[in-house]
Every structure is written in structure tokens, then in C-alpha cells.
Amino acid sequence: MEVIILNSTGHKNEFVARFRAATAQELVDSYNSQIGSNAWVSAKGRCLHALYHEFKRRQIDISVIDTGSGMRLDQHIVLDESGRRVVCAIAH
């Protein structure tokens, strides 16, 4: 599933401060918690918008899930050894 991230001006996004204070691993965990969830509410959109922009702000390479206008939500990710790039998780 691909998610298009839209800029919603005029609305406070409660997830921005939460993700700003999170560790890189917590960002990855937040992303992974969305995999397999087909439910869609405005809070999920705000969450994914803030998550996408926090990855970008930290310059964490998310090219494996970045579509240019959002993120794919079809597979789990992990941080690589450097902590600066996400890669697809290997299924065990």
C-alpha cells in the first residue's frame, strides 16, 4: 500500500513533538506499527505525515519506502548498522 503525504496547513499536528523527541529506533517502530493496518483516520494521516518529515529532517535515508510523495506501507524496516538508513527487514 502506498500512502500519499499531503501538507495540511492550518492544523496542529500532535505527532511532530513526539517524533522530534523519539529515537531513530522509535521512529522505525512507529512506522512498522502501521504495516498491515488498513484502517484510515485523520490521526493516522497526521502521524505518517509527521513521521515522514522527521525521517527527512534527520536525514535518515528512507529511499526503500519513499515514493517521492509519501511512503509505502507494505513491508517492515530496520535501521542499518550506521543508523542513518532504513532497509527492508528480513523475514525469519
PDB file of N, CA and C in Angstrom:
ATOM      1  N   MET A   1       0.839  -1.165   0.000  1.00  0.00           N
ATOM      2  CA  MET A   1       0.000   0.000   0.000  1.00  0.00           C
ATOM      3  C   MET A   1       0.892   1.237   0.000  1.00  0.00           C
ATOM      4  N   GLU A   2       0.587   2.197  -0.824  1.00  0.00           N
ATOM      5  CA  GLU A   2       1.314   3.460  -0.845  1.00  0.00           C
ATOM      6  C   GLU A   2       0.474   4.519  -0.167  1.00  0.00           C
ATOM      7  N   VAL A   3       1.139   5.345   0.614  1.00  0.00           N
ATOM      8  CA  VAL A   3       0.462   6.439   1.297  1.00  0.00           C
ATOM      9  C   VAL A   3       0.979   7.739   0.728  1.00  0.00           C
ATOM     10  N   ILE A   4       0.084   8.580   0.275  1.00  0.00           N
ATOM     11  CA  ILE A   4       0.455   9.907  -0.203  1.00  0.00           C
ATOM     12  C   ILE A   4       0.421  10.852   0.987  1.00  0.00           C
ATOM     13  N   ILE A   5       1.507  11.572   1.212  1.00  0.00           N
ATOM     14  CA  ILE A   5       1.586  12.506   2.321  1.00  0.00           C
ATOM     15  C   ILE A   5       1.204  13.883   1.819  1.00  0.00           C
ATOM     16  N   LEU A   6       0.172  14.445   2.391  1.00  0.00           N
ATOM     17  CA  LEU A   6      -0.280  15.769   1.998  1.00  0.00           C
ATOM     18  C   LEU A   6       0.050  16.763   3.095  1.00  0.00           C
ATOM     19  N   ASN A   7       0.388  17.962   2.707  1.00  0.00           N
ATOM     20  CA  ASN A   7       0.652  19.020   3.663  1.00  0.00           C
ATOM     21  C   ASN A   7      -0.670  19.639   4.063  1.00  0.00           C
ATOM     22  N   SER A   8      -1.028  19.516   5.316  1.00  0.00           N
ATOM     23  CA  SER A   8      -2.294  20.065   5.783  1.00  0.00           C
ATOM     24  C   SER A   8      -2.024  21.344   6.568  1.00  0.00           C
ATOM     25  N   THR A   9      -2.102  22.456   5.900  1.00  0.00           N
ATOM     26  CA  THR A   9      -1.845  23.725   6.548  1.00  0.00           C
ATOM     27  C   THR A   9      -3.003  24.100   7.448  1.00  0.00           C
ATOM     28  N   GLY A  10      -2.676  24.818   8.497  1.00  0.00           N
ATOM     29  CA  GLY A  10      -3.710  25.294   9.398  1.00  0.00           C
ATOM     30  C   GLY A  10      -4.113  24.315  10.480  1.00  0.00           C
ATOM     31  N   HIS A  11      -3.525  23.130  10.502  1.00  0.00           N
ATOM     32  CA  HIS A  11      -3.868  22.142  11.521  1.00  0.00           C
ATOM     33  C   HIS A  11      -2.621  21.807  12.336  1.00  0.00           C
ATOM     34  N   LYS A  12      -2.765  21.822  13.643  1.00  0.00           N
ATOM     35  CA  LYS A  12      -1.654  21.436  14.511  1.00  0.00           C
ATOM     36  C   LYS A  12      -1.508  19.918  14.465  1.00  0.00           C
ATOM     37  N   ASN A  13      -0.300  19.468  14.281  1.00  0.00           N
ATOM     38  CA  ASN A  13      -0.031  18.038  14.220  1.00  0.00           C
ATOM     39  C   ASN A  13       0.595  17.614  15.540  1.00  0.00           C
ATOM     40  N   GLU A  14      -0.172  16.875  16.323  1.00  0.00           N
ATOM     41  CA  GLU A  14       0.260  16.464  17.655  1.00  0.00           C
ATOM     42  C   GLU A  14       1.417  15.469  17.633  1.00  0.00           C
ATOM     43  N   PHE A  15       1.728  14.913  16.494  1.00  0.00           N
ATOM     44  CA  PHE A  15       2.789  13.912  16.391  1.00  0.00           C
ATOM     45  C   PHE A  15       4.173  14.526  16.176  1.00  0.00           C
ATOM     46  N   VAL A  16       4.237  15.788  15.757  1.00  0.00           N
ATOM     47  CA  VAL A  16       5.518  16.420  15.450  1.00  0.00           C
ATOM     48  C   VAL A  16       6.441  16.414  16.663  1.00  0.00           C
ATOM     49  N   ALA A  17       5.968  16.913  17.801  1.00  0.00           N
ATOM     50  CA  ALA A  17       6.810  16.966  19.004  1.00  0.00           C
ATOM     51  C   ALA A  17       7.174  15.565  19.487  1.00  0.00           C
ATOM     52  N   ARG A  18       6.234  14.643  19.388  1.00  0.00           N
ATOM     53  CA  ARG A  18       6.501  13.262  19.820  1.00  0.00           C
ATOM     54  C   ARG A  18       7.638  12.651  19.010  1.00  0.00           C
ATOM     55  N   PHE A  19       7.600  12.809  17.692  1.00  0.00           N
ATOM     56  CA  PHE A  19       8.643  12.226  16.855  1.00  0.00           C
ATOM     57  C   PHE A  19       9.958  12.993  16.962  1.00  0.00           C
ATOM     58  N   ARG A  20       9.891  14.271  17.223  1.00  0.00           N
ATOM     59  CA  ARG A  20      11.111  15.056  17.396  1.00  0.00           C
ATOM     60  C   ARG A  20      11.894  14.545  18.611  1.00  0.00           C
ATOM     61  N   ALA A  21      11.178  14.102  19.647  1.00  0.00           N
ATOM     62  CA  ALA A  21      11.816  13.608  20.871  1.00  0.00           C
ATOM     63  C   ALA A  21      12.162  12.122  20.809  1.00  0.00           C
ATOM     64  N   ALA A  22      11.709  11.432  19.796  1.00  0.00           N
ATOM     65  CA  ALA A  22      11.902   9.978  19.698  1.00  0.00           C
ATOM     66  C   ALA A  22      13.310   9.637  19.213  1.00  0.00           C
ATOM     67  N   THR A  23      13.738   8.433  19.551  1.00  0.00           N
ATOM     68  CA  THR A  23      14.988   7.919  18.996  1.00  0.00           C
ATOM     69  C   THR A  23      14.721   7.457  17.563  1.00  0.00           C
ATOM     70  N   ALA A  24      15.777   7.229  16.814  1.00  0.00           N
ATOM     71  CA  ALA A  24      15.632   6.711  15.448  1.00  0.00           C
ATOM     72  C   ALA A  24      14.928   5.352  15.476  1.00  0.00           C
ATOM     73  N   GLN A  25      15.247   4.520  16.457  1.00  0.00           N
ATOM     74  CA  GLN A  25      14.599   3.216  16.559  1.00  0.00           C
ATOM     75  C   GLN A  25      13.113   3.367  16.843  1.00  0.00           C
ATOM     76  N   GLU A  26      12.737   4.340  17.646  1.00  0.00           N
ATOM     77  CA  GLU A  26      11.314   4.579  17.921  1.00  0.00           C
ATOM     78  C   GLU A  26      10.578   5.052  16.664  1.00  0.00           C
ATOM     79  N   LEU A  27      11.251   5.804  15.804  1.00  0.00           N
ATOM     80  CA  LEU A  27      10.641   6.193  14.525  1.00  0.00           C
ATOM     81  C   LEU A  27      10.371   4.957  13.682  1.00  0.00           C
ATOM     82  N   VAL A  28      11.361   4.077  13.595  1.00  0.00           N
ATOM     83  CA  VAL A  28      11.201   2.833  12.840  1.00  0.00           C
ATOM     84  C   VAL A  28      10.070   1.991  13.433  1.00  0.00           C
ATOM     85  N   ASP A  29      10.024   1.894  14.745  1.00  0.00           N
ATOM     86  CA  ASP A  29       8.958   1.122  15.404  1.00  0.00           C
ATOM     87  C   ASP A  29       7.582   1.717  15.095  1.00  0.00           C
ATOM     88  N   SER A  30       7.490   3.035  15.076  1.00  0.00           N
ATOM     89  CA  SER A  30       6.214   3.692  14.753  1.00  0.00           C
ATOM     90  C   SER A  30       5.796   3.382  13.325  1.00  0.00           C
ATOM     91  N   TYR A  31       6.746   3.423  12.401  1.00  0.00           N
ATOM     92  CA  TYR A  31       6.454   3.068  11.007  1.00  0.00           C
ATOM     93  C   TYR A  31       5.970   1.622  10.936  1.00  0.00           C
ATOM     94  N   ASN A  32       6.720   0.711  11.554  1.00  0.00           N
ATOM     95  CA  ASN A  32       6.387  -0.715  11.490  1.00  0.00           C
ATOM     96  C   ASN A  32       5.019  -1.022  12.094  1.00  0.00           C
ATOM     97  N   SER A  33       4.595  -0.229  13.063  1.00  0.00           N
ATOM     98  CA  SER A  33       3.292  -0.474  13.678  1.00  0.00           C
ATOM     99  C   SER A  33       2.142  -0.195  12.710  1.00  0.00           C
ATOM    100  N   GLN A  34       2.413   0.516  11.620  1.00  0.00           N
ATOM    101  CA  GLN A  34       1.381   0.821  10.630  1.00  0.00           C
ATOM    102  C   GLN A  34       1.240  -0.259   9.556  1.00  0.00           C
ATOM    103  N   ILE A  35       2.207  -1.152   9.462  1.00  0.00           N
ATOM    104  CA  ILE A  35       2.173  -2.205   8.449  1.00  0.00           C
ATOM    105  C   ILE A  35       1.010  -3.152   8.743  1.00  0.00           C
ATOM    106  N   GLY A  36       0.221  -3.427   7.733  1.00  0.00           N
ATOM    107  CA  GLY A  36      -0.899  -4.352   7.878  1.00  0.00           C
ATOM    108  C   GLY A  36      -2.177  -3.714   8.372  1.00  0.00           C
ATOM    109  N   SER A  37      -2.121  -2.452   8.736  1.00  0.00           N
ATOM    110  CA  SER A  37      -3.320  -1.753   9.207  1.00  0.00           C
ATOM    111  C   SER A  37      -3.993  -1.050   8.034  1.00  0.00           C
ATOM    112  N   ASN A  38      -5.174  -1.509   7.675  1.00  0.00           N
ATOM    113  CA  ASN A  38      -5.903  -0.911   6.566  1.00  0.00           C
ATOM    114  C   ASN A  38      -6.836   0.202   7.022  1.00  0.00           C
ATOM    115  N   ALA A  39      -6.965   0.371   8.327  1.00  0.00           N
ATOM    116  CA  ALA A  39      -7.820   1.438   8.850  1.00  0.00           C
ATOM    117  C   ALA A  39      -7.214   2.788   8.500  1.00  0.00           C
ATOM    118  N   TRP A  40      -8.063   3.736   8.208  1.00  0.00           N
ATOM    119  CA  TRP A  40      -7.563   5.056   7.880  1.00  0.00           C
ATOM    120  C   TRP A  40      -8.417   6.103   8.573  1.00  0.00           C
ATOM    121  N   VAL A  41      -7.790   6.896   9.395  1.00  0.00           N
ATOM    122  CA  VAL A  41      -8.444   8.016  10.049  1.00  0.00           C
ATOM    123  C   VAL A  41      -7.508   9.210   9.934  1.00  0.00           C
ATOM    124  N   SER A  42      -8.018  10.381  10.222  1.00  0.00           N
ATOM    125  CA  SER A  42      -7.184  11.571  10.063  1.00  0.00           C
ATOM    126  C   SER A  42      -5.959  11.527  10.973  1.00  0.00           C
ATOM    127  N   ALA A  43      -6.071  10.916  12.157  1.00  0.00           N
ATOM    128  CA  ALA A  43      -4.919  10.819  13.057  1.00  0.00           C
ATOM    129  C   ALA A  43      -3.798  10.002  12.423  1.00  0.00           C
ATOM    130  N   LYS A  44      -4.147   8.953  11.695  1.00  0.00           N
ATOM    131  CA  LYS A  44      -3.120   8.147  11.028  1.00  0.00           C
ATOM    132  C   LYS A  44      -2.419   8.974   9.966  1.00  0.00           C
ATOM    133  N   GLY A  45      -3.164   9.767   9.252  1.00  0.00           N
ATOM    134  CA  GLY A  45      -2.565  10.642   8.248  1.00  0.00           C
ATOM    135  C   GLY A  45      -1.608  11.648   8.864  1.00  0.00           C
ATOM    136  N   ARG A  46      -2.004  12.250   9.989  1.00  0.00           N
ATOM    137  CA  ARG A  46      -1.125  13.201  10.670  1.00  0.00           C
ATOM    138  C   ARG A  46       0.117  12.500  11.210  1.00  0.00           C
ATOM    139  N   CYS A  47      -0.063  11.301  11.717  1.00  0.00           N
ATOM    140  CA  CYS A  47       1.058  10.520  12.238  1.00  0.00           C
ATOM    141  C   CYS A  47       2.074  10.231  11.131  1.00  0.00           C
ATOM    142  N   LEU A  48       1.596   9.722  10.010  1.00  0.00           N
ATOM    143  CA  LEU A  48       2.503   9.379   8.909  1.00  0.00           C
ATOM    144  C   LEU A  48       3.156  10.617   8.310  1.00  0.00           C
ATOM    145  N   HIS A  49       2.428  11.717   8.254  1.00  0.00           N
ATOM    146  CA  HIS A  49       2.988  12.975   7.750  1.00  0.00           C
ATOM    147  C   HIS A  49       4.153  13.417   8.634  1.00  0.00           C
ATOM    148  N   ALA A  50       3.937  13.422   9.952  1.00  0.00           N
ATOM    149  CA  ALA A  50       4.984  13.835  10.885  1.00  0.00           C
ATOM    150  C   ALA A  50       6.157  12.857  10.866  1.00  0.00           C
ATOM    151  N   LEU A  51       5.875  11.579  10.765  1.00  0.00           N
ATOM    152  CA  LEU A  51       6.924  10.562  10.725  1.00  0.00           C
ATOM    153  C   LEU A  51       7.796  10.722   9.488  1.00  0.00           C
ATOM    154  N   TYR A  52       7.171  10.886   8.344  1.00  0.00           N
ATOM    155  CA  TYR A  52       7.897  11.083   7.082  1.00  0.00           C
ATOM    156  C   TYR A  52       8.836  12.285   7.189  1.00  0.00           C
ATOM    157  N   HIS A  53       8.309  13.387   7.685  1.00  0.00           N
ATOM    158  CA  HIS A  53       9.111  14.611   7.753  1.00  0.00           C
ATOM    159  C   HIS A  53      10.192  14.544   8.825  1.00  0.00           C
ATOM    160  N   GLU A  54       9.977  13.763   9.867  1.00  0.00           N
ATOM    161  CA  GLU A  54      11.042  13.597  10.874  1.00  0.00           C
ATOM    162  C   GLU A  54      12.178  12.748  10.331  1.00  0.00           C
ATOM    163  N   PHE A  55      11.873  11.690   9.597  1.00  0.00           N
ATOM    164  CA  PHE A  55      12.937  10.937   8.917  1.00  0.00           C
ATOM    165  C   PHE A  55      13.739  11.878   8.028  1.00  0.00           C
ATOM    166  N   LYS A  56      13.052  12.698   7.249  1.00  0.00           N
ATOM    167  CA  LYS A  56      13.721  13.629   6.332  1.00  0.00           C
ATOM    168  C   LYS A  56      14.537  14.665   7.098  1.00  0.00           C
ATOM    169  N   ARG A  57      13.982  15.225   8.183  1.00  0.00           N
ATOM    170  CA  ARG A  57      14.677  16.245   8.966  1.00  0.00           C
ATOM    171  C   ARG A  57      15.994  15.702   9.510  1.00  0.00           C
ATOM    172  N   ARG A  58      15.975  14.447   9.936  1.00  0.00           N
ATOM    173  CA  ARG A  58      17.188  13.814  10.482  1.00  0.00           C
ATOM    174  C   ARG A  58      18.114  13.283   9.395  1.00  0.00           C
ATOM    175  N   GLN A  59      17.704  13.404   8.186  1.00  0.00           N
ATOM    176  CA  GLN A  59      18.469  12.901   7.032  1.00  0.00           C
ATOM    177  C   GLN A  59      18.726  11.400   7.132  1.00  0.00           C
ATOM    178  N   ILE A  60      17.716  10.687   7.610  1.00  0.00           N
ATOM    179  CA  ILE A  60      17.759   9.223   7.605  1.00  0.00           C
ATOM    180  C   ILE A  60      17.256   8.778   6.238  1.00  0.00           C
ATOM    181  N   ASP A  61      18.047   8.001   5.547  1.00  0.00           N
ATOM    182  CA  ASP A  61      17.714   7.541   4.199  1.00  0.00           C
ATOM    183  C   ASP A  61      16.563   6.545   4.263  1.00  0.00           C
ATOM    184  N   ILE A  62      15.416   6.945   3.730  1.00  0.00           N
ATOM    185  CA  ILE A  62      14.240   6.072   3.692  1.00  0.00           C
ATOM    186  C   ILE A  62      13.880   5.715   2.251  1.00  0.00           C
ATOM    187  N   SER A  63      14.864   5.754   1.377  1.00  0.00           N
ATOM    188  CA  SER A  63      14.596   5.533  -0.050  1.00  0.00           C
ATOM    189  C   SER A  63      13.914   4.195  -0.321  1.00  0.00           C
ATOM    190  N   VAL A  64      14.105   3.213   0.527  1.00  0.00           N
ATOM    191  CA  VAL A  64      13.483   1.902   0.330  1.00  0.00           C
ATOM    192  C   VAL A  64      11.958   1.964   0.476  1.00  0.00           C
ATOM    193  N   ILE A  65      11.440   2.979   1.178  1.00  0.00           N
ATOM    194  CA  ILE A  65       9.990   3.125   1.356  1.00  0.00           C
ATOM    195  C   ILE A  65       9.458   4.447   0.814  1.00  0.00           C
ATOM    196  N   ASP A  66      10.347   5.342   0.413  1.00  0.00           N
ATOM    197  CA  ASP A  66       9.947   6.678  -0.054  1.00  0.00           C
ATOM    198  C   ASP A  66       9.503   6.610  -1.506  1.00  0.00           C
ATOM    199  N   THR A  67       8.301   7.117  -1.765  1.00  0.00           N
ATOM    200  CA  THR A  67       7.777   7.125  -3.139  1.00  0.00           C
ATOM    201  C   THR A  67       7.969   8.484  -3.807  1.00  0.00           C
ATOM    202  N   GLY A  68       8.522   9.441  -3.080  1.00  0.00           N
ATOM    203  CA  GLY A  68       8.645  10.795  -3.596  1.00  0.00           C
ATOM    204  C   GLY A  68       7.497  11.684  -3.157  1.00  0.00           C
ATOM    205  N   SER A  69       6.366  11.063  -2.867  1.00  0.00           N
ATOM    206  CA  SER A  69       5.223  11.835  -2.376  1.00  0.00           C
ATOM    207  C   SER A  69       4.633  11.210  -1.117  1.00  0.00           C
ATOM    208  N   GLY A  70       5.295  10.209  -0.594  1.00  0.00           N
ATOM    209  CA  GLY A  70       4.814   9.520   0.599  1.00  0.00           C
ATOM    210  C   GLY A  70       5.655   8.296   0.880  1.00  0.00           C
ATOM    211  N   MET A  71       5.084   7.373   1.625  1.00  0.00           N
ATOM    212  CA  MET A  71       5.795   6.159   1.999  1.00  0.00           C
ATOM    213  C   MET A  71       4.962   4.938   1.657  1.00  0.00           C
ATOM    214  N   ARG A  72       5.648   3.891   1.215  1.00  0.00           N
ATOM    215  CA  ARG A  72       4.991   2.598   1.031  1.00  0.00           C
ATOM    216  C   ARG A  72       4.816   1.969   2.404  1.00  0.00           C
ATOM    217  N   LEU A  73       3.710   1.323   2.597  1.00  0.00           N
ATOM    218  CA  LEU A  73       3.444   0.639   3.868  1.00  0.00           C
ATOM    219  C   LEU A  73       3.237  -0.847   3.625  1.00  0.00           C
ATOM    220  N   ASP A  74       4.173  -1.468   2.909  1.00  0.00           N
ATOM    221  CA  ASP A  74       3.990  -2.865   2.561  1.00  0.00           C
ATOM    222  C   ASP A  74       5.031  -3.813   3.136  1.00  0.00           C
ATOM    223  N   GLN A  75       6.010  -3.286   3.884  1.00  0.00           N
ATOM    224  CA  GLN A  75       6.982  -4.180   4.495  1.00  0.00           C
ATOM    225  C   GLN A  75       7.658  -3.504   5.682  1.00  0.00           C
ATOM    226  N   HIS A  76       8.071  -4.326   6.625  1.00  0.00           N
ATOM    227  CA  HIS A  76       8.752  -3.814   7.809  1.00  0.00           C
ATOM    228  C   HIS A  76      10.162  -3.349   7.444  1.00  0.00           C
ATOM    229  N   ILE A  77      10.659  -2.422   8.241  1.00  0.00           N
ATOM    230  CA  ILE A  77      12.003  -1.888   8.031  1.00  0.00           C
ATOM    231  C   ILE A  77      12.809  -2.009   9.317  1.00  0.00           C
ATOM    232  N   VAL A  78      14.129  -1.922   9.161  1.00  0.00           N
ATOM    233  CA  VAL A  78      15.062  -1.856  10.288  1.00  0.00           C
ATOM    234  C   VAL A  78      16.113  -0.810   9.949  1.00  0.00           C
ATOM    235  N   LEU A  79      16.770  -0.301  10.959  1.00  0.00           N
ATOM    236  CA  LEU A  79      17.904   0.601  10.737  1.00  0.00           C
ATOM    237  C   LEU A  79      19.126  -0.225  10.358  1.00  0.00           C
ATOM    238  N   ASP A  80      19.935   0.287   9.456  1.00  0.00           N
ATOM    239  CA  ASP A  80      21.187  -0.406   9.152  1.00  0.00           C
ATOM    240  C   ASP A  80      22.177  -0.134  10.291  1.00  0.00           C
ATOM    241  N   GLU A  81      23.362  -0.686  10.192  1.00  0.00           N
ATOM    242  CA  GLU A  81      24.351  -0.567  11.270  1.00  0.00           C
ATOM    243  C   GLU A  81      24.740   0.866  11.570  1.00  0.00           C
ATOM    244  N   SER A  82      24.699   1.734  10.563  1.00  0.00           N
ATOM    245  CA  SER A  82      25.077   3.136  10.771  1.00  0.00           C
ATOM    246  C   SER A  82      23.987   3.929  11.482  1.00  0.00           C
ATOM    247  N   GLY A  83      22.755   3.441  11.415  1.00  0.00           N
ATOM    248  CA  GLY A  83      21.634   4.163  11.992  1.00  0.00           C
ATOM    249  C   GLY A  83      21.179   5.336  11.150  1.00  0.00           C
ATOM    250  N   ARG A  84      21.710   5.448   9.926  1.00  0.00           N
ATOM    251  CA  ARG A  84      21.403   6.568   9.035  1.00  0.00           C
ATOM    252  C   ARG A  84      20.568   6.159   7.833  1.00  0.00           C
ATOM    253  N   ARG A  85      20.210   4.870   7.760  1.00  0.00           N
ATOM    254  CA  ARG A  85      19.450   4.373   6.614  1.00  0.00           C
ATOM    255  C   ARG A  85      18.553   3.243   7.075  1.00  0.00           C
ATOM    256  N   VAL A  86      17.348   3.195   6.494  1.00  0.00           N
ATOM    257  CA  VAL A  86      16.470   2.063   6.779  1.00  0.00           C
ATOM    258  C   VAL A  86      16.555   1.089   5.614  1.00  0.00           C
ATOM    259  N   VAL A  87      16.436  -0.174   5.937  1.00  0.00           N
ATOM    260  CA  VAL A  87      16.433  -1.254   4.946  1.00  0.00           C
ATOM    261  C   VAL A  87      15.262  -2.154   5.241  1.00  0.00           C
ATOM    262  N   CYS A  88      14.868  -2.934   4.264  1.00  0.00           N
ATOM    263  CA  CYS A  88      13.771  -3.880   4.467  1.00  0.00           C
ATOM    264  C   CYS A  88      14.197  -4.945   5.473  1.00  0.00           C
ATOM    265  N   ALA A  89      13.299  -5.257   6.377  1.00  0.00           N
ATOM    266  CA  ALA A  89      13.569  -6.296   7.364  1.00  0.00           C
ATOM    267  C   ALA A  89      13.524  -7.648   6.679  1.00  0.00           C
ATOM    268  N   ILE A  90      14.390  -8.529   7.069  1.00  0.00           N
ATOM    269  CA  ILE A  90      14.413  -9.883   6.512  1.00  0.00           C
ATOM    270  C   ILE A  90      13.449 -10.734   7.324  1.00  0.00           C
ATOM    271  N   ALA A  91      12.518 -11.348   6.631  1.00  0.00           N
ATOM    272  CA  ALA A  91      11.540 -12.212   7.300  1.00  0.00           C
ATOM    273  C   ALA A  91      12.229 -13.492   7.768  1.00  0.00           C
ATOM    274  N   HIS A  92      11.937 -13.882   8.975  1.00  0.00           N
ATOM    275  CA  HIS A  92      12.521 -15.125   9.520  1.00  0.00           C
ATOM    276  C   HIS A  92      11.475 -16.190   9.588  1.00  0.00           C
TER     277      HIS A  92
END
